[in-house]
N, C-alpha and C. Protein backbone atom coordinates (compact mmCIF):
# COMPACT_ATOMS: atom_id res chain seq x y z
N UNK A 1 5.61 -12.84 -16.04
CA UNK A 1 4.95 -11.85 -16.85
C UNK A 1 5.37 -10.44 -16.46
N UNK A 2 5.56 -10.23 -15.15
CA UNK A 2 5.97 -8.90 -14.69
C UNK A 2 7.36 -8.57 -15.20
N UNK A 3 8.26 -9.57 -15.26
CA UNK A 3 9.61 -9.33 -15.77
C UNK A 3 9.56 -8.80 -17.20
N UNK A 4 8.64 -9.32 -18.00
CA UNK A 4 8.48 -8.85 -19.37
C UNK A 4 8.08 -7.37 -19.39
N UNK A 5 7.17 -6.99 -18.51
CA UNK A 5 6.77 -5.59 -18.40
C UNK A 5 7.90 -4.72 -17.91
N UNK A 6 8.70 -5.24 -16.96
CA UNK A 6 9.85 -4.48 -16.45
C UNK A 6 10.87 -4.22 -17.54
N UNK A 7 11.15 -5.22 -18.38
CA UNK A 7 12.11 -5.03 -19.47
C UNK A 7 11.59 -3.98 -20.44
N UNK A 8 10.30 -4.03 -20.76
CA UNK A 8 9.72 -3.07 -21.69
C UNK A 8 9.80 -1.66 -21.14
N UNK A 9 9.59 -1.50 -19.82
CA UNK A 9 9.61 -0.18 -19.21
C UNK A 9 11.02 0.29 -18.85
N UNK A 10 12.00 -0.64 -18.83
CA UNK A 10 13.36 -0.28 -18.39
C UNK A 10 13.91 0.90 -19.17
N UNK A 11 13.84 0.85 -20.47
CA UNK A 11 14.35 1.96 -21.28
C UNK A 11 13.45 3.19 -21.16
N UNK A 12 12.15 2.96 -21.11
CA UNK A 12 11.21 4.09 -21.03
C UNK A 12 11.37 4.86 -19.72
N UNK A 13 11.74 4.20 -18.63
CA UNK A 13 11.86 4.87 -17.34
C UNK A 13 13.26 5.39 -17.06
N UNK A 14 14.20 5.13 -17.96
CA UNK A 14 15.56 5.63 -17.79
C UNK A 14 15.60 7.08 -18.26
N UNK A 15 15.76 8.04 -17.32
CA UNK A 15 15.69 9.45 -17.70
C UNK A 15 16.81 9.82 -18.69
N UNK A 16 16.41 10.10 -19.89
CA UNK A 16 17.36 10.52 -20.91
C UNK A 16 16.59 11.18 -22.05
N UNK A 17 17.31 11.86 -22.90
CA UNK A 17 16.68 12.49 -24.06
C UNK A 17 17.41 12.03 -25.31
N UNK A 18 16.63 11.62 -26.29
CA UNK A 18 17.17 11.22 -27.58
C UNK A 18 16.87 12.33 -28.56
N UNK A 19 17.89 12.73 -29.31
CA UNK A 19 17.74 13.85 -30.23
C UNK A 19 17.78 13.35 -31.67
N UNK A 20 16.80 13.76 -32.42
CA UNK A 20 16.76 13.50 -33.86
C UNK A 20 16.45 14.82 -34.54
N UNK A 21 16.46 14.86 -35.84
CA UNK A 21 16.31 16.12 -36.57
C UNK A 21 15.05 16.89 -36.19
N UNK A 22 13.88 16.28 -36.35
CA UNK A 22 12.61 16.95 -36.06
C UNK A 22 11.85 16.29 -34.91
N UNK A 23 12.61 15.60 -34.06
CA UNK A 23 12.00 14.85 -32.96
C UNK A 23 12.95 14.84 -31.77
N UNK A 24 12.39 15.11 -30.60
CA UNK A 24 13.11 15.00 -29.34
C UNK A 24 12.31 14.00 -28.50
N UNK A 25 12.99 12.98 -27.96
CA UNK A 25 12.31 11.95 -27.18
C UNK A 25 12.84 12.02 -25.75
N UNK A 26 11.95 12.34 -24.81
CA UNK A 26 12.29 12.40 -23.39
C UNK A 26 11.74 11.16 -22.71
N UNK A 27 12.59 10.43 -22.02
CA UNK A 27 12.17 9.23 -21.29
C UNK A 27 12.24 9.51 -19.79
N UNK A 28 11.28 8.96 -19.06
CA UNK A 28 11.28 9.11 -17.61
C UNK A 28 11.07 10.55 -17.16
N UNK A 29 10.30 11.30 -17.91
CA UNK A 29 10.06 12.72 -17.60
C UNK A 29 9.18 12.83 -16.35
N UNK A 30 9.67 13.59 -15.36
CA UNK A 30 8.92 13.80 -14.11
C UNK A 30 7.76 14.75 -14.39
N UNK A 31 6.60 14.44 -13.81
CA UNK A 31 5.38 15.21 -14.03
C UNK A 31 4.82 15.71 -12.72
N UNK A 32 4.08 16.82 -12.78
CA UNK A 32 3.37 17.30 -11.61
C UNK A 32 2.24 18.23 -12.04
N UNK A 33 1.20 18.24 -11.23
CA UNK A 33 0.12 19.20 -11.39
C UNK A 33 -0.24 19.71 -10.01
N UNK A 34 -0.01 20.99 -9.78
CA UNK A 34 -0.39 21.59 -8.51
C UNK A 34 -1.90 21.67 -8.39
N UNK A 35 -2.58 21.97 -9.51
CA UNK A 35 -4.04 22.08 -9.51
C UNK A 35 -4.71 20.76 -9.16
N UNK A 36 -4.19 19.66 -9.72
CA UNK A 36 -4.79 18.35 -9.50
C UNK A 36 -4.19 17.61 -8.30
N UNK A 37 -3.08 18.11 -7.78
CA UNK A 37 -2.42 17.44 -6.67
C UNK A 37 -1.81 16.11 -7.06
N UNK A 38 -1.14 16.08 -8.22
CA UNK A 38 -0.55 14.85 -8.72
C UNK A 38 0.94 15.02 -8.99
N UNK A 39 1.68 13.95 -8.78
CA UNK A 39 3.06 13.87 -9.25
C UNK A 39 3.22 12.49 -9.89
N UNK A 40 4.15 12.37 -10.81
CA UNK A 40 4.36 11.09 -11.46
C UNK A 40 5.48 11.14 -12.45
N UNK A 41 5.45 10.21 -13.36
CA UNK A 41 6.50 10.09 -14.36
C UNK A 41 5.90 9.53 -15.63
N UNK A 42 6.24 10.14 -16.75
CA UNK A 42 5.78 9.65 -18.06
C UNK A 42 6.80 8.65 -18.58
N UNK A 43 6.31 7.61 -19.23
CA UNK A 43 7.23 6.66 -19.86
C UNK A 43 8.04 7.39 -20.94
N UNK A 44 7.33 7.98 -21.90
CA UNK A 44 7.98 8.67 -23.02
C UNK A 44 7.15 9.89 -23.39
N UNK A 45 7.84 11.00 -23.65
CA UNK A 45 7.19 12.17 -24.24
C UNK A 45 7.99 12.53 -25.47
N UNK A 46 7.33 12.44 -26.63
CA UNK A 46 7.96 12.86 -27.88
C UNK A 46 7.62 14.33 -28.11
N UNK A 47 8.61 15.10 -28.52
CA UNK A 47 8.39 16.50 -28.90
C UNK A 47 8.62 16.58 -30.40
N UNK A 48 7.56 16.84 -31.15
CA UNK A 48 7.61 16.92 -32.61
C UNK A 48 7.74 18.38 -33.03
N UNK A 49 8.66 18.64 -33.94
CA UNK A 49 8.84 20.01 -34.42
C UNK A 49 7.63 20.43 -35.24
N UNK A 50 7.15 21.66 -35.00
CA UNK A 50 5.99 22.19 -35.71
C UNK A 50 6.36 23.51 -36.36
N UNK A 51 5.51 23.96 -37.27
CA UNK A 51 5.76 25.22 -37.96
C UNK A 51 5.40 26.39 -37.05
N UNK A 52 5.79 27.58 -37.44
CA UNK A 52 5.51 28.79 -36.66
C UNK A 52 4.01 29.03 -36.53
N UNK A 53 3.21 28.56 -37.50
CA UNK A 53 1.76 28.76 -37.47
C UNK A 53 1.06 27.82 -36.49
N UNK A 54 1.68 26.71 -36.14
CA UNK A 54 1.08 25.73 -35.25
C UNK A 54 1.41 26.06 -33.79
N UNK A 55 0.55 25.60 -32.89
CA UNK A 55 0.80 25.81 -31.46
C UNK A 55 1.92 24.88 -31.01
N UNK A 56 2.91 25.45 -30.38
CA UNK A 56 4.03 24.67 -29.89
C UNK A 56 4.73 25.40 -28.76
N UNK A 57 5.71 24.74 -28.17
CA UNK A 57 6.47 25.33 -27.08
C UNK A 57 7.93 25.43 -27.48
N UNK A 58 8.67 26.26 -26.79
CA UNK A 58 10.10 26.36 -26.99
C UNK A 58 10.80 25.38 -26.06
N UNK A 59 11.90 24.83 -26.53
CA UNK A 59 12.74 23.95 -25.71
C UNK A 59 14.07 24.68 -25.55
N UNK A 60 14.51 24.84 -24.32
CA UNK A 60 15.75 25.57 -24.04
C UNK A 60 16.92 25.00 -24.84
N UNK A 61 17.61 25.87 -25.56
CA UNK A 61 18.79 25.48 -26.32
C UNK A 61 18.52 24.81 -27.65
N UNK A 62 17.25 24.74 -28.05
CA UNK A 62 16.88 24.08 -29.31
C UNK A 62 16.03 25.05 -30.12
N UNK A 63 16.36 25.19 -31.39
CA UNK A 63 15.61 26.10 -32.26
C UNK A 63 14.23 25.53 -32.60
N UNK A 64 13.27 26.41 -32.81
CA UNK A 64 11.95 26.02 -33.30
C UNK A 64 10.93 25.84 -32.20
N UNK A 65 9.73 25.45 -32.63
CA UNK A 65 8.62 25.15 -31.74
C UNK A 65 8.33 23.65 -31.76
N UNK A 66 7.87 23.13 -30.62
CA UNK A 66 7.71 21.69 -30.46
C UNK A 66 6.37 21.38 -29.82
N UNK A 67 5.76 20.28 -30.27
CA UNK A 67 4.47 19.84 -29.72
C UNK A 67 4.68 18.48 -29.05
N UNK A 68 4.27 18.37 -27.76
CA UNK A 68 4.46 17.11 -27.04
C UNK A 68 3.41 16.05 -27.36
N UNK A 69 3.85 14.80 -27.37
CA UNK A 69 2.98 13.64 -27.50
C UNK A 69 3.38 12.67 -26.40
N UNK A 70 2.48 12.43 -25.45
CA UNK A 70 2.76 11.51 -24.34
C UNK A 70 2.49 10.09 -24.80
N UNK A 71 3.42 9.18 -24.50
CA UNK A 71 3.26 7.77 -24.88
C UNK A 71 3.41 6.91 -23.62
N UNK A 72 2.38 6.15 -23.32
CA UNK A 72 2.37 5.25 -22.17
C UNK A 72 2.58 3.83 -22.68
N UNK A 73 3.58 3.14 -22.13
CA UNK A 73 3.88 1.77 -22.52
C UNK A 73 3.10 0.79 -21.65
N UNK A 74 2.46 -0.16 -22.29
CA UNK A 74 1.72 -1.21 -21.60
C UNK A 74 2.17 -2.56 -22.14
N UNK A 75 2.40 -3.52 -21.23
CA UNK A 75 2.91 -4.83 -21.62
C UNK A 75 1.90 -5.62 -22.45
N UNK A 76 0.64 -5.56 -22.07
CA UNK A 76 -0.36 -6.42 -22.69
C UNK A 76 -1.06 -5.80 -23.88
N UNK A 77 -2.38 -5.82 -23.80
CA UNK A 77 -3.22 -5.31 -24.88
C UNK A 77 -4.21 -4.31 -24.30
N UNK A 78 -4.94 -3.57 -25.14
CA UNK A 78 -5.91 -2.60 -24.62
C UNK A 78 -6.92 -3.27 -23.69
N UNK A 79 -7.25 -2.56 -22.61
CA UNK A 79 -8.18 -3.08 -21.61
C UNK A 79 -9.62 -2.70 -21.96
N UNK A 80 -10.55 -3.43 -21.38
CA UNK A 80 -11.97 -3.15 -21.59
C UNK A 80 -12.37 -1.88 -20.83
N UNK A 81 -11.83 -1.69 -19.63
CA UNK A 81 -12.16 -0.53 -18.80
C UNK A 81 -11.44 0.73 -19.27
N UNK A 82 -11.55 1.77 -18.46
CA UNK A 82 -10.97 3.07 -18.81
C UNK A 82 -9.72 3.41 -18.01
N UNK A 83 -9.18 2.44 -17.23
CA UNK A 83 -8.05 2.75 -16.36
C UNK A 83 -6.81 3.25 -17.12
N UNK A 84 -6.50 2.65 -18.25
CA UNK A 84 -5.35 3.11 -19.04
C UNK A 84 -5.58 4.52 -19.56
N UNK A 85 -6.78 4.78 -20.05
CA UNK A 85 -7.11 6.09 -20.60
C UNK A 85 -7.03 7.18 -19.53
N UNK A 86 -7.51 6.88 -18.34
CA UNK A 86 -7.46 7.85 -17.24
C UNK A 86 -6.01 8.12 -16.85
N UNK A 87 -5.20 7.08 -16.80
CA UNK A 87 -3.78 7.25 -16.46
C UNK A 87 -3.09 8.17 -17.47
N UNK A 88 -3.30 7.91 -18.75
CA UNK A 88 -2.67 8.71 -19.79
C UNK A 88 -3.20 10.14 -19.77
N UNK A 89 -4.50 10.31 -19.57
CA UNK A 89 -5.09 11.64 -19.51
C UNK A 89 -4.51 12.44 -18.34
N UNK A 90 -4.33 11.80 -17.19
CA UNK A 90 -3.74 12.49 -16.03
C UNK A 90 -2.32 12.96 -16.36
N UNK A 91 -1.55 12.14 -17.07
CA UNK A 91 -0.21 12.54 -17.47
C UNK A 91 -0.27 13.74 -18.41
N UNK A 92 -1.18 13.70 -19.36
CA UNK A 92 -1.35 14.80 -20.31
C UNK A 92 -1.71 16.08 -19.57
N UNK A 93 -2.64 15.99 -18.62
CA UNK A 93 -3.07 17.17 -17.88
C UNK A 93 -1.91 17.77 -17.06
N UNK A 94 -1.05 16.92 -16.53
CA UNK A 94 0.13 17.41 -15.81
C UNK A 94 1.05 18.18 -16.76
N UNK A 95 1.33 17.60 -17.93
CA UNK A 95 2.22 18.25 -18.89
C UNK A 95 1.61 19.55 -19.40
N UNK A 96 0.31 19.55 -19.63
CA UNK A 96 -0.35 20.78 -20.07
C UNK A 96 -0.14 21.90 -19.06
N UNK A 97 -0.31 21.59 -17.78
CA UNK A 97 -0.11 22.60 -16.74
C UNK A 97 1.36 23.03 -16.67
N UNK A 98 2.27 22.07 -16.76
CA UNK A 98 3.70 22.38 -16.66
C UNK A 98 4.19 23.25 -17.82
N UNK A 99 3.68 22.98 -19.02
CA UNK A 99 4.19 23.66 -20.21
C UNK A 99 3.27 24.76 -20.73
N UNK A 100 2.06 24.87 -20.18
CA UNK A 100 1.13 25.90 -20.64
C UNK A 100 0.68 25.67 -22.08
N UNK A 101 0.37 24.42 -22.40
CA UNK A 101 -0.04 24.06 -23.76
C UNK A 101 -1.24 23.12 -23.67
N UNK A 102 -2.03 23.06 -24.72
CA UNK A 102 -3.15 22.14 -24.79
C UNK A 102 -2.75 20.95 -25.67
N UNK A 103 -3.05 19.75 -25.21
CA UNK A 103 -2.71 18.53 -25.95
C UNK A 103 -4.01 17.78 -26.25
N UNK A 104 -4.25 17.52 -27.52
CA UNK A 104 -5.49 16.85 -27.93
C UNK A 104 -5.31 15.36 -28.20
N UNK A 105 -4.07 14.90 -28.35
CA UNK A 105 -3.82 13.51 -28.75
C UNK A 105 -2.60 12.97 -28.03
N UNK A 106 -2.70 11.74 -27.56
CA UNK A 106 -1.56 11.01 -27.02
C UNK A 106 -1.72 9.55 -27.38
N UNK A 107 -0.76 8.71 -26.96
CA UNK A 107 -0.75 7.33 -27.45
C UNK A 107 -0.36 6.33 -26.38
N UNK A 108 -0.78 5.09 -26.62
CA UNK A 108 -0.30 3.93 -25.88
C UNK A 108 0.57 3.13 -26.83
N UNK A 109 1.55 2.43 -26.27
CA UNK A 109 2.26 1.42 -27.03
C UNK A 109 2.03 0.11 -26.30
N UNK A 110 1.31 -0.81 -26.95
CA UNK A 110 0.98 -2.09 -26.34
C UNK A 110 1.98 -3.14 -26.80
N UNK A 111 2.65 -3.77 -25.82
CA UNK A 111 3.69 -4.75 -26.12
C UNK A 111 3.19 -5.98 -26.81
N UNK A 112 1.98 -6.41 -26.51
CA UNK A 112 1.44 -7.64 -27.12
C UNK A 112 1.25 -7.47 -28.63
N UNK A 113 0.71 -6.34 -29.04
CA UNK A 113 0.47 -6.12 -30.48
C UNK A 113 1.63 -5.37 -31.14
N UNK A 114 2.54 -4.82 -30.31
CA UNK A 114 3.68 -4.03 -30.80
C UNK A 114 3.21 -2.88 -31.67
N UNK A 115 2.12 -2.23 -31.25
CA UNK A 115 1.54 -1.12 -32.02
C UNK A 115 1.17 0.03 -31.09
N UNK A 116 1.15 1.20 -31.69
CA UNK A 116 0.64 2.38 -30.99
C UNK A 116 -0.85 2.47 -31.19
N UNK A 117 -1.51 2.98 -30.16
CA UNK A 117 -2.95 3.19 -30.20
C UNK A 117 -3.19 4.60 -29.69
N UNK A 118 -3.75 5.45 -30.53
CA UNK A 118 -3.97 6.85 -30.17
C UNK A 118 -5.18 7.02 -29.27
N UNK A 119 -5.11 8.04 -28.41
CA UNK A 119 -6.22 8.41 -27.55
C UNK A 119 -6.48 9.90 -27.71
N UNK A 120 -7.71 10.25 -28.10
CA UNK A 120 -8.12 11.65 -28.16
C UNK A 120 -8.36 12.12 -26.73
N UNK A 121 -7.73 13.20 -26.36
CA UNK A 121 -7.90 13.76 -25.02
C UNK A 121 -9.04 14.79 -25.10
N UNK A 122 -10.27 14.28 -25.01
CA UNK A 122 -11.45 15.14 -25.16
C UNK A 122 -12.04 15.46 -23.79
N UNK A 123 -13.12 16.22 -23.79
CA UNK A 123 -13.76 16.64 -22.54
C UNK A 123 -14.30 15.45 -21.74
N UNK A 124 -14.73 14.40 -22.42
CA UNK A 124 -15.29 13.24 -21.73
C UNK A 124 -14.22 12.58 -20.86
N UNK A 125 -13.06 12.28 -21.43
CA UNK A 125 -12.00 11.62 -20.66
C UNK A 125 -11.40 12.58 -19.63
N UNK A 126 -11.33 13.86 -19.95
CA UNK A 126 -10.83 14.85 -18.98
C UNK A 126 -11.75 14.91 -17.76
N UNK A 127 -13.06 14.95 -17.97
CA UNK A 127 -14.01 15.00 -16.85
C UNK A 127 -13.95 13.73 -16.02
N UNK A 128 -13.89 12.57 -16.68
CA UNK A 128 -13.79 11.29 -15.98
C UNK A 128 -12.52 11.26 -15.12
N UNK A 129 -11.41 11.73 -15.68
CA UNK A 129 -10.13 11.75 -14.96
C UNK A 129 -10.21 12.68 -13.75
N UNK A 130 -10.74 13.87 -13.95
CA UNK A 130 -10.83 14.83 -12.83
C UNK A 130 -11.73 14.31 -11.72
N UNK A 131 -12.85 13.68 -12.07
CA UNK A 131 -13.74 13.13 -11.04
C UNK A 131 -13.05 12.02 -10.24
N UNK A 132 -12.27 11.17 -10.92
CA UNK A 132 -11.54 10.11 -10.22
C UNK A 132 -10.44 10.69 -9.34
N UNK A 133 -9.80 11.75 -9.77
CA UNK A 133 -8.76 12.39 -8.96
C UNK A 133 -9.38 13.00 -7.70
N UNK A 134 -10.54 13.64 -7.84
CA UNK A 134 -11.25 14.19 -6.68
C UNK A 134 -11.60 13.06 -5.71
N UNK A 135 -12.12 11.95 -6.23
CA UNK A 135 -12.47 10.79 -5.41
C UNK A 135 -11.22 10.25 -4.69
N UNK A 136 -10.11 10.17 -5.40
CA UNK A 136 -8.84 9.71 -4.82
C UNK A 136 -8.43 10.59 -3.65
N UNK A 137 -8.47 11.91 -3.82
CA UNK A 137 -8.09 12.83 -2.76
C UNK A 137 -9.04 12.73 -1.56
N UNK A 138 -10.32 12.55 -1.80
CA UNK A 138 -11.28 12.39 -0.70
C UNK A 138 -10.97 11.13 0.10
N UNK A 139 -10.69 10.01 -0.58
CA UNK A 139 -10.36 8.76 0.10
C UNK A 139 -9.07 8.92 0.89
N UNK A 140 -8.07 9.55 0.29
CA UNK A 140 -6.78 9.75 0.97
C UNK A 140 -6.96 10.60 2.22
N UNK A 141 -7.68 11.71 2.08
CA UNK A 141 -7.89 12.62 3.22
C UNK A 141 -8.70 11.96 4.33
N UNK A 142 -9.58 11.03 3.98
CA UNK A 142 -10.38 10.32 4.97
C UNK A 142 -9.62 9.12 5.56
N UNK A 143 -8.45 8.82 5.01
CA UNK A 143 -7.67 7.69 5.49
C UNK A 143 -8.26 6.35 5.07
N UNK A 144 -8.98 6.33 3.96
CA UNK A 144 -9.65 5.12 3.49
C UNK A 144 -8.82 4.47 2.38
N UNK A 145 -8.57 3.18 2.55
CA UNK A 145 -7.92 2.41 1.50
C UNK A 145 -8.97 1.48 0.91
N UNK A 146 -9.24 1.58 -0.38
CA UNK A 146 -10.26 0.70 -0.96
C UNK A 146 -9.80 -0.75 -0.92
N UNK A 147 -10.73 -1.64 -0.70
CA UNK A 147 -10.41 -3.06 -0.67
C UNK A 147 -9.98 -3.52 -2.06
N UNK A 148 -8.93 -4.31 -2.09
CA UNK A 148 -8.46 -4.87 -3.36
C UNK A 148 -9.43 -5.96 -3.81
N UNK A 149 -9.69 -6.00 -5.08
CA UNK A 149 -10.57 -7.02 -5.65
C UNK A 149 -9.70 -7.93 -6.51
N UNK A 150 -9.61 -9.19 -6.13
CA UNK A 150 -8.77 -10.14 -6.84
C UNK A 150 -9.44 -10.59 -8.13
N UNK A 151 -8.71 -10.47 -9.25
CA UNK A 151 -9.15 -11.00 -10.55
C UNK A 151 -7.95 -11.70 -11.19
N UNK A 152 -8.18 -12.37 -12.30
CA UNK A 152 -7.08 -13.10 -12.95
C UNK A 152 -5.98 -12.16 -13.46
N UNK A 153 -6.31 -10.88 -13.72
CA UNK A 153 -5.28 -9.95 -14.19
C UNK A 153 -4.28 -9.61 -13.09
N UNK A 154 -4.60 -9.94 -11.83
CA UNK A 154 -3.67 -9.68 -10.72
C UNK A 154 -2.36 -10.46 -10.90
N UNK A 155 -2.41 -11.61 -11.56
CA UNK A 155 -1.20 -12.42 -11.78
C UNK A 155 -0.12 -11.65 -12.52
N UNK A 156 -0.51 -10.80 -13.45
CA UNK A 156 0.45 -10.08 -14.29
C UNK A 156 0.78 -8.69 -13.75
N UNK A 157 0.25 -8.33 -12.59
CA UNK A 157 0.42 -6.97 -12.07
C UNK A 157 1.72 -6.86 -11.28
N UNK A 158 2.45 -5.79 -11.51
CA UNK A 158 3.71 -5.58 -10.80
C UNK A 158 3.49 -5.17 -9.34
N UNK A 159 2.27 -4.82 -8.98
CA UNK A 159 1.98 -4.39 -7.60
C UNK A 159 1.27 -5.46 -6.77
N UNK A 160 1.16 -6.68 -7.27
CA UNK A 160 0.40 -7.72 -6.59
C UNK A 160 0.97 -7.99 -5.19
N UNK A 161 2.28 -7.90 -4.99
CA UNK A 161 2.87 -8.16 -3.68
C UNK A 161 2.69 -6.99 -2.71
N UNK A 162 2.33 -5.85 -3.23
CA UNK A 162 2.05 -4.68 -2.38
C UNK A 162 0.55 -4.61 -2.09
N UNK A 163 -0.24 -4.81 -3.12
CA UNK A 163 -1.70 -4.72 -3.04
C UNK A 163 -2.30 -5.87 -2.21
N UNK A 164 -1.74 -7.08 -2.39
CA UNK A 164 -2.20 -8.29 -1.70
C UNK A 164 -3.70 -8.51 -1.84
N UNK A 165 -4.19 -8.67 -3.06
CA UNK A 165 -5.64 -8.80 -3.27
C UNK A 165 -6.26 -10.04 -2.66
N UNK A 166 -5.46 -11.08 -2.36
CA UNK A 166 -6.02 -12.31 -1.78
C UNK A 166 -6.30 -12.19 -0.29
N UNK A 167 -5.77 -11.18 0.37
CA UNK A 167 -5.95 -11.06 1.82
C UNK A 167 -7.42 -10.94 2.18
N UNK A 168 -8.16 -10.12 1.49
CA UNK A 168 -9.59 -9.93 1.82
C UNK A 168 -10.34 -11.24 1.68
N UNK A 169 -9.96 -12.02 0.68
CA UNK A 169 -10.65 -13.29 0.45
C UNK A 169 -10.40 -14.27 1.61
N UNK A 170 -9.17 -14.29 2.14
CA UNK A 170 -8.80 -15.26 3.15
C UNK A 170 -9.00 -14.79 4.59
N UNK A 171 -9.07 -13.49 4.81
CA UNK A 171 -9.19 -12.95 6.16
C UNK A 171 -10.35 -11.96 6.20
N UNK A 172 -11.30 -12.23 7.08
CA UNK A 172 -12.50 -11.39 7.13
C UNK A 172 -12.25 -10.07 7.85
N UNK A 173 -11.26 -10.02 8.76
CA UNK A 173 -11.00 -8.75 9.42
C UNK A 173 -9.51 -8.55 9.63
N UNK A 174 -9.13 -7.32 9.78
CA UNK A 174 -7.72 -6.95 9.88
C UNK A 174 -7.10 -7.50 11.15
N UNK A 175 -7.81 -7.46 12.27
CA UNK A 175 -7.26 -7.93 13.53
C UNK A 175 -6.84 -9.41 13.44
N UNK A 176 -7.68 -10.22 12.83
CA UNK A 176 -7.35 -11.65 12.68
C UNK A 176 -6.13 -11.82 11.78
N UNK A 177 -6.08 -11.05 10.70
CA UNK A 177 -4.93 -11.13 9.79
C UNK A 177 -3.64 -10.76 10.52
N UNK A 178 -3.66 -9.66 11.29
CA UNK A 178 -2.45 -9.22 12.00
C UNK A 178 -2.04 -10.25 13.03
N UNK A 179 -3.01 -10.81 13.76
CA UNK A 179 -2.70 -11.83 14.75
C UNK A 179 -2.03 -13.04 14.10
N UNK A 180 -2.57 -13.50 12.99
CA UNK A 180 -1.98 -14.65 12.28
C UNK A 180 -0.60 -14.31 11.73
N UNK A 181 -0.44 -13.10 11.21
CA UNK A 181 0.85 -12.69 10.68
C UNK A 181 1.88 -12.63 11.79
N UNK A 182 1.50 -12.10 12.95
CA UNK A 182 2.42 -12.03 14.10
C UNK A 182 2.81 -13.42 14.57
N UNK A 183 1.85 -14.35 14.62
CA UNK A 183 2.16 -15.73 15.00
C UNK A 183 3.16 -16.33 14.03
N UNK A 184 2.98 -16.07 12.74
CA UNK A 184 3.90 -16.60 11.73
C UNK A 184 5.31 -16.06 11.93
N UNK A 185 5.42 -14.75 12.20
CA UNK A 185 6.74 -14.14 12.39
C UNK A 185 7.40 -14.64 13.67
N UNK A 186 6.60 -14.83 14.75
CA UNK A 186 7.14 -15.34 16.00
C UNK A 186 7.66 -16.76 15.82
N UNK A 187 6.93 -17.58 15.09
CA UNK A 187 7.35 -18.97 14.83
C UNK A 187 8.64 -19.00 14.03
N UNK A 188 8.78 -18.11 13.03
CA UNK A 188 9.99 -18.11 12.21
C UNK A 188 11.19 -17.60 13.02
N UNK A 189 10.95 -16.73 14.04
CA UNK A 189 12.05 -16.26 14.89
C UNK A 189 12.55 -17.36 15.81
N UNK A 190 11.66 -18.29 16.23
CA UNK A 190 12.02 -19.35 17.14
C UNK A 190 12.63 -20.56 16.43
N UNK A 191 12.47 -20.63 15.13
CA UNK A 191 12.96 -21.78 14.37
C UNK A 191 14.48 -21.81 14.43
N UNK A 192 15.10 -23.04 14.60
CA UNK A 192 16.56 -23.13 14.63
C UNK A 192 17.16 -22.75 13.28
N UNK A 193 18.34 -22.12 13.34
CA UNK A 193 19.00 -21.64 12.11
C UNK A 193 19.70 -22.73 11.40
């Protein structure tokens, strides 16, 4: 399942720009927000040409004004929780700071339905995103790593081998886990080649 997600993201994460008449498509655009303390990468940012009366930005070497639309690619379908929305909102907030523009709308592209799903970037999702970012920074500064919670969606996650959500279930404390892991590595070093 992860391979399917990797293929879908392969083109989106390849830094390049596609040029069309009234559309510029940037893939793998690097993002940052000094105010929020975030760095990252957008899958796709479309820049749509707008009229002089509409709010837009200039693009170096290109005539006219342009309005960005952030598009986040997801392999599956829309989730019940708000994690996708918060991720997209954080990307939007980074671009807003970088470009000095306000963005009210962005989109997801879900691979399962092969459709775009728009997200209004309103005050509710902005506040939720900022509160989670503050919580993230507090945990990081305190040196706290939240315990992974294993669910069936872990099977399709590209980070399952890094997150290791089953460890908490099988090992009650870190010292026992490390001791068992060390025993395993020592045994594999002694095994004949």
